[in-house]
Amino acid sequence: MEKIVEQNLLFDFYGELLTDHQKSVYQDAVFNDMSLSEVADCYGISRQGAFDLLKRCDRIMQGYETKLHLIERFSNAKNRLHEIQQLLEDTSSLSENKQKVSDLIAEIIEEL
C-alpha cells in the first residue's frame, strides 16, 4: 500500500516530466492496474520492455525528488498545517499558541 501511495505522489508531482509514451504506459500499469502482459500487448512491446519502462519511470521520478525535494517540502508543509490546525482547535490556550502558530506559518512560507 505504501508503495502505491509513493508512486501516486511521484506521478502527481513529476509525471508531467515523463514523455507521453512513458506517462501512458505508467498510468495503465500503475493506475489502471493492467498486467505487464496487457501493457505489452497494448503498446506492442515485450513484457520485459514494459517492466523496464516502468522501472525507468520510477527511477526518473525518484531522481527528480532526490534533486528537487518537492514531495518532502509538501509533506513538511502539510504536517505543519496540521499542527497549526490542532493549536487553533485548542481554544483554552489560544493566546499562548498564537506565537507558535505564527512561527509555524513563517516556516511554511520560508520553505515554499
Foldseek 3Di string as FASTA:
>chain_A
DVVLVVLVVLCVVCVVVDDPVLSVLLCCVRVVVDQLVVSCVVVVHDSVVSVVSNVVSVVVSVVCCVVPVPVVLVVLLVVLVVVLVVQCVPVVCVVVCPVVNVVSVVVNVVSD
